[in-house]
Amino acid sequence: MTSQTVSLRYFSWVRERVGVESEAVDLPSSVETVHDLLEWLKTRGEGFAAAFEFPDIIRVALDQEHVEHKATIGSPREIALFPPMTGG
């Protein structure tokens, strides 16, 4: 897999910790699954490390479709990352 540019969108306290609402990033070729993405994001700085400290609770959507952490990323235009949903 070659490097690809994708739009990352952050929501709720994930956005507050990373300090931006969205950004375009070039994913490293080593990022093949959602799990890989979350592990890579933790290495991008202090705010990212805080936001993704417990990656198992982060929910992820590829082009607005929720996926499991074991899912292959493929080539989406947008990846959304947000904390667990609460309320009813």
PDB file of N, CA and C in Angstrom:
ATOM      1  N   MET A   1       0.847  -1.186   0.000  1.00  0.00           N
ATOM      2  CA  MET A   1       0.000   0.000   0.000  1.00  0.00           C
ATOM      3  C   MET A   1       0.889   1.244   0.000  1.00  0.00           C
ATOM      4  N   THR A   2       0.628   2.176  -0.877  1.00  0.00           N
ATOM      5  CA  THR A   2       1.399   3.408  -0.927  1.00  0.00           C
ATOM      6  C   THR A   2       0.735   4.457  -0.049  1.00  0.00           C
ATOM      7  N   SER A   3       1.455   5.507   0.242  1.00  0.00           N
ATOM      8  CA  SER A   3       0.935   6.590   1.067  1.00  0.00           C
ATOM      9  C   SER A   3      -0.274   7.227   0.377  1.00  0.00           C
ATOM     10  N   GLN A   4      -1.270   7.576   1.189  1.00  0.00           N
ATOM     11  CA  GLN A   4      -2.458   8.223   0.628  1.00  0.00           C
ATOM     12  C   GLN A   4      -2.863   9.392   1.505  1.00  0.00           C
ATOM     13  N   THR A   5      -3.424  10.420   0.886  1.00  0.00           N
ATOM     14  CA  THR A   5      -3.920  11.568   1.631  1.00  0.00           C
ATOM     15  C   THR A   5      -5.389  11.350   1.933  1.00  0.00           C
ATOM     16  N   VAL A   6      -5.744  11.573   3.201  1.00  0.00           N
ATOM     17  CA  VAL A   6      -7.118  11.370   3.650  1.00  0.00           C
ATOM     18  C   VAL A   6      -7.492  12.497   4.602  1.00  0.00           C
ATOM     19  N   SER A   7      -8.769  12.824   4.653  1.00  0.00           N
ATOM     20  CA  SER A   7      -9.266  13.824   5.587  1.00  0.00           C
ATOM     21  C   SER A   7      -9.626  13.133   6.899  1.00  0.00           C
ATOM     22  N   LEU A   8      -9.013  13.596   7.989  1.00  0.00           N
ATOM     23  CA  LEU A   8      -9.347  13.093   9.314  1.00  0.00           C
ATOM     24  C   LEU A   8     -10.232  14.119   9.994  1.00  0.00           C
ATOM     25  N   ARG A   9     -11.342  13.674  10.567  1.00  0.00           N
ATOM     26  CA  ARG A   9     -12.252  14.565  11.297  1.00  0.00           C
ATOM     27  C   ARG A   9     -12.353  14.066  12.724  1.00  0.00           C
ATOM     28  N   TYR A  10     -12.214  15.001  13.663  1.00  0.00           N
ATOM     29  CA  TYR A  10     -12.223  14.665  15.084  1.00  0.00           C
ATOM     30  C   TYR A  10     -13.452  15.277  15.741  1.00  0.00           C
ATOM     31  N   PHE A  11     -14.064  14.542  16.666  1.00  0.00           N
ATOM     32  CA  PHE A  11     -15.291  15.001  17.302  1.00  0.00           C
ATOM     33  C   PHE A  11     -15.181  14.986  18.820  1.00  0.00           C
ATOM     34  N   SER A  12     -15.961  15.886  19.461  1.00  0.00           N
ATOM     35  CA  SER A  12     -16.113  15.944  20.910  1.00  0.00           C
ATOM     36  C   SER A  12     -14.760  16.101  21.605  1.00  0.00           C
ATOM     37  N   TRP A  13     -14.508  15.347  22.666  1.00  0.00           N
ATOM     38  CA  TRP A  13     -13.254  15.525  23.407  1.00  0.00           C
ATOM     39  C   TRP A  13     -12.041  15.050  22.622  1.00  0.00           C
ATOM     40  N   VAL A  14     -12.223  14.239  21.612  1.00  0.00           N
ATOM     41  CA  VAL A  14     -11.086  13.878  20.754  1.00  0.00           C
ATOM     42  C   VAL A  14     -10.597  15.152  20.049  1.00  0.00           C
ATOM     43  N   ARG A  15     -11.520  15.920  19.500  1.00  0.00           N
ATOM     44  CA  ARG A  15     -11.192  17.196  18.835  1.00  0.00           C
ATOM     45  C   ARG A  15     -10.530  18.159  19.825  1.00  0.00           C
ATOM     46  N   GLU A  16     -11.069  18.246  21.028  1.00  0.00           N
ATOM     47  CA  GLU A  16     -10.509  19.163  22.022  1.00  0.00           C
ATOM     48  C   GLU A  16      -9.068  18.795  22.363  1.00  0.00           C
ATOM     49  N   ARG A  17      -8.773  17.512  22.462  1.00  0.00           N
ATOM     50  CA  ARG A  17      -7.419  17.093  22.840  1.00  0.00           C
ATOM     51  C   ARG A  17      -6.412  17.239  21.707  1.00  0.00           C
ATOM     52  N   VAL A  18      -6.830  16.947  20.468  1.00  0.00           N
ATOM     53  CA  VAL A  18      -5.868  17.078  19.367  1.00  0.00           C
ATOM     54  C   VAL A  18      -5.728  18.526  18.911  1.00  0.00           C
ATOM     55  N   GLY A  19      -6.727  19.355  19.188  1.00  0.00           N
ATOM     56  CA  GLY A  19      -6.621  20.778  18.906  1.00  0.00           C
ATOM     57  C   GLY A  19      -7.070  21.221  17.531  1.00  0.00           C
ATOM     58  N   VAL A  20      -7.592  20.321  16.719  1.00  0.00           N
ATOM     59  CA  VAL A  20      -8.125  20.689  15.403  1.00  0.00           C
ATOM     60  C   VAL A  20      -9.401  19.891  15.133  1.00  0.00           C
ATOM     61  N   GLU A  21     -10.266  20.471  14.320  1.00  0.00           N
ATOM     62  CA  GLU A  21     -11.508  19.788  13.949  1.00  0.00           C
ATOM     63  C   GLU A  21     -11.277  18.775  12.841  1.00  0.00           C
ATOM     64  N   SER A  22     -10.404  19.143  11.898  1.00  0.00           N
ATOM     65  CA  SER A  22     -10.111  18.237  10.788  1.00  0.00           C
ATOM     66  C   SER A  22      -8.758  18.602  10.195  1.00  0.00           C
ATOM     67  N   GLU A  23      -8.218  17.656   9.442  1.00  0.00           N
ATOM     68  CA  GLU A  23      -6.944  17.887   8.774  1.00  0.00           C
ATOM     69  C   GLU A  23      -6.784  16.872   7.656  1.00  0.00           C
ATOM     70  N   ALA A  24      -6.001  17.243   6.664  1.00  0.00           N
ATOM     71  CA  ALA A  24      -5.641  16.315   5.592  1.00  0.00           C
ATOM     72  C   ALA A  24      -4.257  15.780   5.923  1.00  0.00           C
ATOM     73  N   VAL A  25      -4.125  14.460   5.950  1.00  0.00           N
ATOM     74  CA  VAL A  25      -2.841  13.851   6.285  1.00  0.00           C
ATOM     75  C   VAL A  25      -2.479  12.791   5.251  1.00  0.00           C
ATOM     76  N   ASP A  26      -1.193  12.579   5.111  1.00  0.00           N
ATOM     77  CA  ASP A  26      -0.691  11.474   4.298  1.00  0.00           C
ATOM     78  C   ASP A  26      -0.473  10.303   5.237  1.00  0.00           C
ATOM     79  N   LEU A  27      -1.262   9.264   5.083  1.00  0.00           N
ATOM     80  CA  LEU A  27      -1.112   8.091   5.934  1.00  0.00           C
ATOM     81  C   LEU A  27       0.145   7.330   5.529  1.00  0.00           C
ATOM     82  N   PRO A  28       0.938   6.914   6.499  1.00  0.00           N
ATOM     83  CA  PRO A  28       2.107   6.090   6.174  1.00  0.00           C
ATOM     84  C   PRO A  28       1.663   4.754   5.591  1.00  0.00           C
ATOM     85  N   SER A  29       2.506   4.163   4.789  1.00  0.00           N
ATOM     86  CA  SER A  29       2.151   2.886   4.172  1.00  0.00           C
ATOM     87  C   SER A  29       1.950   1.788   5.209  1.00  0.00           C
ATOM     88  N   SER A  30       2.495   1.967   6.414  1.00  0.00           N
ATOM     89  CA  SER A  30       2.326   0.967   7.476  1.00  0.00           C
ATOM     90  C   SER A  30       0.927   0.977   8.087  1.00  0.00           C
ATOM     91  N   VAL A  31       0.140   2.017   7.807  1.00  0.00           N
ATOM     92  CA  VAL A  31      -1.220   2.112   8.347  1.00  0.00           C
ATOM     93  C   VAL A  31      -2.175   1.409   7.395  1.00  0.00           C
ATOM     94  N   GLU A  32      -2.528   0.177   7.737  1.00  0.00           N
ATOM     95  CA  GLU A  32      -3.413  -0.612   6.883  1.00  0.00           C
ATOM     96  C   GLU A  32      -4.781  -0.854   7.505  1.00  0.00           C
ATOM     97  N   THR A  33      -4.851  -0.883   8.850  1.00  0.00           N
ATOM     98  CA  THR A  33      -6.119  -1.136   9.536  1.00  0.00           C
ATOM     99  C   THR A  33      -6.454   0.059  10.423  1.00  0.00           C
ATOM    100  N   VAL A  34      -7.680   0.076  10.917  1.00  0.00           N
ATOM    101  CA  VAL A  34      -8.089   1.122  11.848  1.00  0.00           C
ATOM    102  C   VAL A  34      -7.207   1.071  13.095  1.00  0.00           C
ATOM    103  N   HIS A  35      -6.906  -0.115  13.580  1.00  0.00           N
ATOM    104  CA  HIS A  35      -6.009  -0.266  14.734  1.00  0.00           C
ATOM    105  C   HIS A  35      -4.659   0.395  14.455  1.00  0.00           C
ATOM    106  N   ASP A  36      -4.094   0.138  13.279  1.00  0.00           N
ATOM    107  CA  ASP A  36      -2.818   0.760  12.898  1.00  0.00           C
ATOM    108  C   ASP A  36      -2.935   2.282  12.925  1.00  0.00           C
ATOM    109  N   LEU A  37      -4.043   2.802  12.424  1.00  0.00           N
ATOM    110  CA  LEU A  37      -4.260   4.246  12.392  1.00  0.00           C
ATOM    111  C   LEU A  37      -4.250   4.823  13.795  1.00  0.00           C
ATOM    112  N   LEU A  38      -4.982   4.197  14.704  1.00  0.00           N
ATOM    113  CA  LEU A  38      -5.054   4.706  16.075  1.00  0.00           C
ATOM    114  C   LEU A  38      -3.689   4.667  16.758  1.00  0.00           C
ATOM    115  N   GLU A  39      -2.929   3.625  16.517  1.00  0.00           N
ATOM    116  CA  GLU A  39      -1.587   3.539  17.091  1.00  0.00           C
ATOM    117  C   GLU A  39      -0.676   4.618  16.499  1.00  0.00           C
ATOM    118  N   TRP A  40      -0.777   4.868  15.211  1.00  0.00           N
ATOM    119  CA  TRP A  40       0.028   5.903  14.563  1.00  0.00           C
ATOM    120  C   TRP A  40      -0.352   7.295  15.080  1.00  0.00           C
ATOM    121  N   LEU A  41      -1.648   7.549  15.231  1.00  0.00           N
ATOM    122  CA  LEU A  41      -2.095   8.853  15.697  1.00  0.00           C
ATOM    123  C   LEU A  41      -1.512   9.183  17.070  1.00  0.00           C
ATOM    124  N   LYS A  42      -1.382   8.190  17.927  1.00  0.00           N
ATOM    125  CA  LYS A  42      -0.828   8.415  19.271  1.00  0.00           C
ATOM    126  C   LYS A  42       0.586   8.971  19.224  1.00  0.00           C
ATOM    127  N   THR A  43       1.299   8.745  18.136  1.00  0.00           N
ATOM    128  CA  THR A  43       2.699   9.173  18.035  1.00  0.00           C
ATOM    129  C   THR A  43       2.851  10.595  17.497  1.00  0.00           C
ATOM    130  N   ARG A  44       1.750  11.264  17.189  1.00  0.00           N
ATOM    131  CA  ARG A  44       1.826  12.557  16.506  1.00  0.00           C
ATOM    132  C   ARG A  44       1.950  13.759  17.429  1.00  0.00           C
ATOM    133  N   GLY A  45       2.090  13.537  18.731  1.00  0.00           N
ATOM    134  CA  GLY A  45       2.254  14.660  19.650  1.00  0.00           C
ATOM    135  C   GLY A  45       1.471  14.438  20.926  1.00  0.00           C
ATOM    136  N   GLU A  46       1.679  15.360  21.857  1.00  0.00           N
ATOM    137  CA  GLU A  46       1.087  15.231  23.189  1.00  0.00           C
ATOM    138  C   GLU A  46      -0.441  15.186  23.166  1.00  0.00           C
ATOM    139  N   GLY A  47      -1.079  16.079  22.415  1.00  0.00           N
ATOM    140  CA  GLY A  47      -2.538  16.089  22.336  1.00  0.00           C
ATOM    141  C   GLY A  47      -3.085  14.805  21.737  1.00  0.00           C
ATOM    142  N   PHE A  48      -2.413  14.301  20.714  1.00  0.00           N
ATOM    143  CA  PHE A  48      -2.827  13.050  20.086  1.00  0.00           C
ATOM    144  C   PHE A  48      -2.632  11.878  21.045  1.00  0.00           C
ATOM    145  N   ALA A  49      -1.509  11.887  21.770  1.00  0.00           N
ATOM    146  CA  ALA A  49      -1.269  10.824  22.740  1.00  0.00           C
ATOM    147  C   ALA A  49      -2.365  10.803  23.793  1.00  0.00           C
ATOM    148  N   ALA A  50      -2.814  11.981  24.231  1.00  0.00           N
ATOM    149  CA  ALA A  50      -3.886  12.060  25.227  1.00  0.00           C
ATOM    150  C   ALA A  50      -5.219  11.595  24.637  1.00  0.00           C
ATOM    151  N   ALA A  51      -5.500  12.000  23.409  1.00  0.00           N
ATOM    152  CA  ALA A  51      -6.780  11.649  22.782  1.00  0.00           C
ATOM    153  C   ALA A  51      -6.892  10.155  22.508  1.00  0.00           C
ATOM    154  N   PHE A  52      -5.779   9.532  22.157  1.00  0.00           N
ATOM    155  CA  PHE A  52      -5.816   8.125  21.752  1.00  0.00           C
ATOM    156  C   PHE A  52      -5.109   7.203  22.752  1.00  0.00           C
ATOM    157  N   GLU A  53      -5.023   7.676  24.011  1.00  0.00           N
ATOM    158  CA  GLU A  53      -4.393   6.883  25.060  1.00  0.00           C
ATOM    159  C   GLU A  53      -5.062   5.522  25.231  1.00  0.00           C
ATOM    160  N   PHE A  54      -6.389   5.510  25.124  1.00  0.00           N
ATOM    161  CA  PHE A  54      -7.160   4.276  25.242  1.00  0.00           C
ATOM    162  C   PHE A  54      -7.885   4.040  23.916  1.00  0.00           C
ATOM    163  N   PRO A  55      -7.169   3.548  22.906  1.00  0.00           N
ATOM    164  CA  PRO A  55      -7.737   3.449  21.563  1.00  0.00           C
ATOM    165  C   PRO A  55      -8.964   2.547  21.460  1.00  0.00           C
ATOM    166  N   ASP A  56      -9.111   1.582  22.359  1.00  0.00           N
ATOM    167  CA  ASP A  56     -10.246   0.663  22.277  1.00  0.00           C
ATOM    168  C   ASP A  56     -11.594   1.355  22.418  1.00  0.00           C
ATOM    169  N   ILE A  57     -11.620   2.532  23.054  1.00  0.00           N
ATOM    170  CA  ILE A  57     -12.909   3.221  23.234  1.00  0.00           C
ATOM    171  C   ILE A  57     -13.239   4.154  22.077  1.00  0.00           C
ATOM    172  N   ILE A  58     -12.278   4.415  21.207  1.00  0.00           N
ATOM    173  CA  ILE A  58     -12.494   5.337  20.088  1.00  0.00           C
ATOM    174  C   ILE A  58     -13.329   4.660  19.010  1.00  0.00           C
ATOM    175  N   ARG A  59     -14.348   5.366  18.544  1.00  0.00           N
ATOM    176  CA  ARG A  59     -15.172   4.869  17.437  1.00  0.00           C
ATOM    177  C   ARG A  59     -14.669   5.502  16.151  1.00  0.00           C
ATOM    178  N   VAL A  60     -14.758   4.741  15.072  1.00  0.00           N
ATOM    179  CA  VAL A  60     -14.206   5.192  13.794  1.00  0.00           C
ATOM    180  C   VAL A  60     -15.211   4.935  12.684  1.00  0.00           C
ATOM    181  N   ALA A  61     -15.318   5.904  11.772  1.00  0.00           N
ATOM    182  CA  ALA A  61     -16.152   5.744  10.582  1.00  0.00           C
ATOM    183  C   ALA A  61     -15.314   6.060   9.353  1.00  0.00           C
ATOM    184  N   LEU A  62     -15.393   5.184   8.364  1.00  0.00           N
ATOM    185  CA  LEU A  62     -14.740   5.397   7.075  1.00  0.00           C
ATOM    186  C   LEU A  62     -15.819   5.842   6.101  1.00  0.00           C
ATOM    187  N   ASP A  63     -15.677   7.043   5.561  1.00  0.00           N
ATOM    188  CA  ASP A  63     -16.702   7.607   4.668  1.00  0.00           C
ATOM    189  C   ASP A  63     -18.101   7.425   5.256  1.00  0.00           C
ATOM    190  N   GLN A  64     -18.253   7.781   6.525  1.00  0.00           N
ATOM    191  CA  GLN A  64     -19.519   7.798   7.262  1.00  0.00           C
ATOM    192  C   GLN A  64     -20.103   6.415   7.542  1.00  0.00           C
ATOM    193  N   GLU A  65     -19.279   5.372   7.476  1.00  0.00           N
ATOM    194  CA  GLU A  65     -19.726   4.027   7.812  1.00  0.00           C
ATOM    195  C   GLU A  65     -18.884   3.517   8.982  1.00  0.00           C
ATOM    196  N   HIS A  66     -19.556   3.219  10.096  1.00  0.00           N
ATOM    197  CA  HIS A  66     -18.844   2.735  11.280  1.00  0.00           C
ATOM    198  C   HIS A  66     -18.171   1.405  10.988  1.00  0.00           C
ATOM    199  N   VAL A  67     -16.937   1.280  11.485  1.00  0.00           N
ATOM    200  CA  VAL A  67     -16.171   0.057  11.257  1.00  0.00           C
ATOM    201  C   VAL A  67     -15.504  -0.386  12.557  1.00  0.00           C
ATOM    202  N   GLU A  68     -15.127  -1.657  12.586  1.00  0.00           N
ATOM    203  CA  GLU A  68     -14.386  -2.217  13.712  1.00  0.00           C
ATOM    204  C   GLU A  68     -12.913  -1.851  13.568  1.00  0.00           C
ATOM    205  N   HIS A  69     -12.184  -1.950  14.658  1.00  0.00           N
ATOM    206  CA  HIS A  69     -10.757  -1.603  14.640  1.00  0.00           C
ATOM    207  C   HIS A  69      -9.926  -2.552  13.789  1.00  0.00           C
ATOM    208  N   LYS A  70     -10.409  -3.760  13.556  1.00  0.00           N
ATOM    209  CA  LYS A  70      -9.668  -4.713  12.725  1.00  0.00           C
ATOM    210  C   LYS A  70      -9.899  -4.477  11.234  1.00  0.00           C
ATOM    211  N   ALA A  71     -10.802  -3.570  10.890  1.00  0.00           N
ATOM    212  CA  ALA A  71     -11.136  -3.303   9.487  1.00  0.00           C
ATOM    213  C   ALA A  71      -9.957  -2.701   8.735  1.00  0.00           C
ATOM    214  N   THR A  72      -9.798  -3.123   7.491  1.00  0.00           N
ATOM    215  CA  THR A  72      -8.801  -2.534   6.604  1.00  0.00           C
ATOM    216  C   THR A  72      -9.290  -1.155   6.185  1.00  0.00           C
ATOM    217  N   ILE A  73      -8.393  -0.188   6.172  1.00  0.00           N
ATOM    218  CA  ILE A  73      -8.786   1.180   5.834  1.00  0.00           C
ATOM    219  C   ILE A  73      -9.141   1.334   4.363  1.00  0.00           C
ATOM    220  N   GLY A  74      -8.389   0.726   3.479  1.00  0.00           N
ATOM    221  CA  GLY A  74      -8.657   0.898   2.051  1.00  0.00           C
ATOM    222  C   GLY A  74      -8.298   2.305   1.615  1.00  0.00           C
ATOM    223  N   SER A  75      -9.190   2.947   0.866  1.00  0.00           N
ATOM    224  CA  SER A  75      -8.898   4.306   0.389  1.00  0.00           C
ATOM    225  C   SER A  75     -10.103   5.228   0.561  1.00  0.00           C
ATOM    226  N   PRO A  76     -10.507   5.484   1.806  1.00  0.00           N
ATOM    227  CA  PRO A  76     -11.628   6.400   2.026  1.00  0.00           C
ATOM    228  C   PRO A  76     -11.202   7.849   1.790  1.00  0.00           C
ATOM    229  N   ARG A  77     -12.176   8.699   1.553  1.00  0.00           N
ATOM    230  CA  ARG A  77     -11.884  10.129   1.455  1.00  0.00           C
ATOM    231  C   ARG A  77     -11.845  10.752   2.844  1.00  0.00           C
ATOM    232  N   GLU A  78     -12.647  10.171   3.785  1.00  0.00           N
ATOM    233  CA  GLU A  78     -12.751  10.745   5.122  1.00  0.00           C
ATOM    234  C   GLU A  78     -12.739   9.653   6.181  1.00  0.00           C
ATOM    235  N   ILE A  79     -12.022   9.925   7.269  1.00  0.00           N
ATOM    236  CA  ILE A  79     -12.040   9.057   8.434  1.00  0.00           C
ATOM    237  C   ILE A  79     -12.453   9.923   9.618  1.00  0.00           C
ATOM    238  N   ALA A  80     -13.530   9.536  10.291  1.00  0.00           N
ATOM    239  CA  ALA A  80     -14.020  10.271  11.449  1.00  0.00           C
ATOM    240  C   ALA A  80     -13.677   9.496  12.710  1.00  0.00           C
ATOM    241  N   LEU A  81     -13.214  10.221  13.725  1.00  0.00           N
ATOM    242  CA  LEU A  81     -12.814   9.608  14.986  1.00  0.00           C
ATOM    243  C   LEU A  81     -13.534  10.310  16.133  1.00  0.00           C
ATOM    244  N   PHE A  82     -14.183   9.538  16.995  1.00  0.00           N
ATOM    245  CA  PHE A  82     -14.938  10.138  18.078  1.00  0.00           C
ATOM    246  C   PHE A  82     -15.049   9.197  19.262  1.00  0.00           C
ATOM    247  N   PRO A  83     -15.348   9.762  20.441  1.00  0.00           N
ATOM    248  CA  PRO A  83     -15.472   8.953  21.645  1.00  0.00           C
ATOM    249  C   PRO A  83     -16.777   8.167  21.645  1.00  0.00           C
ATOM    250  N   PRO A  84     -16.945   7.285  22.626  1.00  0.00           N
ATOM    251  CA  PRO A  84     -18.192   6.515  22.708  1.00  0.00           C
ATOM    252  C   PRO A  84     -19.401   7.435  22.798  1.00  0.00           C
ATOM    253  N   MET A  85     -20.498   6.997  22.238  1.00  0.00           N
ATOM    254  CA  MET A  85     -21.739   7.761  22.296  1.00  0.00           C
ATOM    255  C   MET A  85     -22.435   7.487  23.616  1.00  0.00           C
ATOM    256  N   THR A  86     -23.051   8.533  24.165  1.00  0.00           N
ATOM    257  CA  THR A  86     -23.845   8.378  25.374  1.00  0.00           C
ATOM    258  C   THR A  86     -25.196   9.021  25.148  1.00  0.00           C
ATOM    259  N   GLY A  87     -26.099   8.804  26.056  1.00  0.00           N
ATOM    260  CA  GLY A  87     -27.405   9.427  25.967  1.00  0.00           C
ATOM    261  C   GLY A  87     -28.412   8.533  25.287  1.00  0.00           C
ATOM    262  N   GLY A  88     -29.588   9.053  25.039  1.00  0.00           N
ATOM    263  CA  GLY A  88     -30.604   8.217  24.450  1.00  0.00           C
ATOM    264  C   GLY A  88     -31.671   8.940  23.751  1.00  0.00           C
TER     265      GLY A  88
END
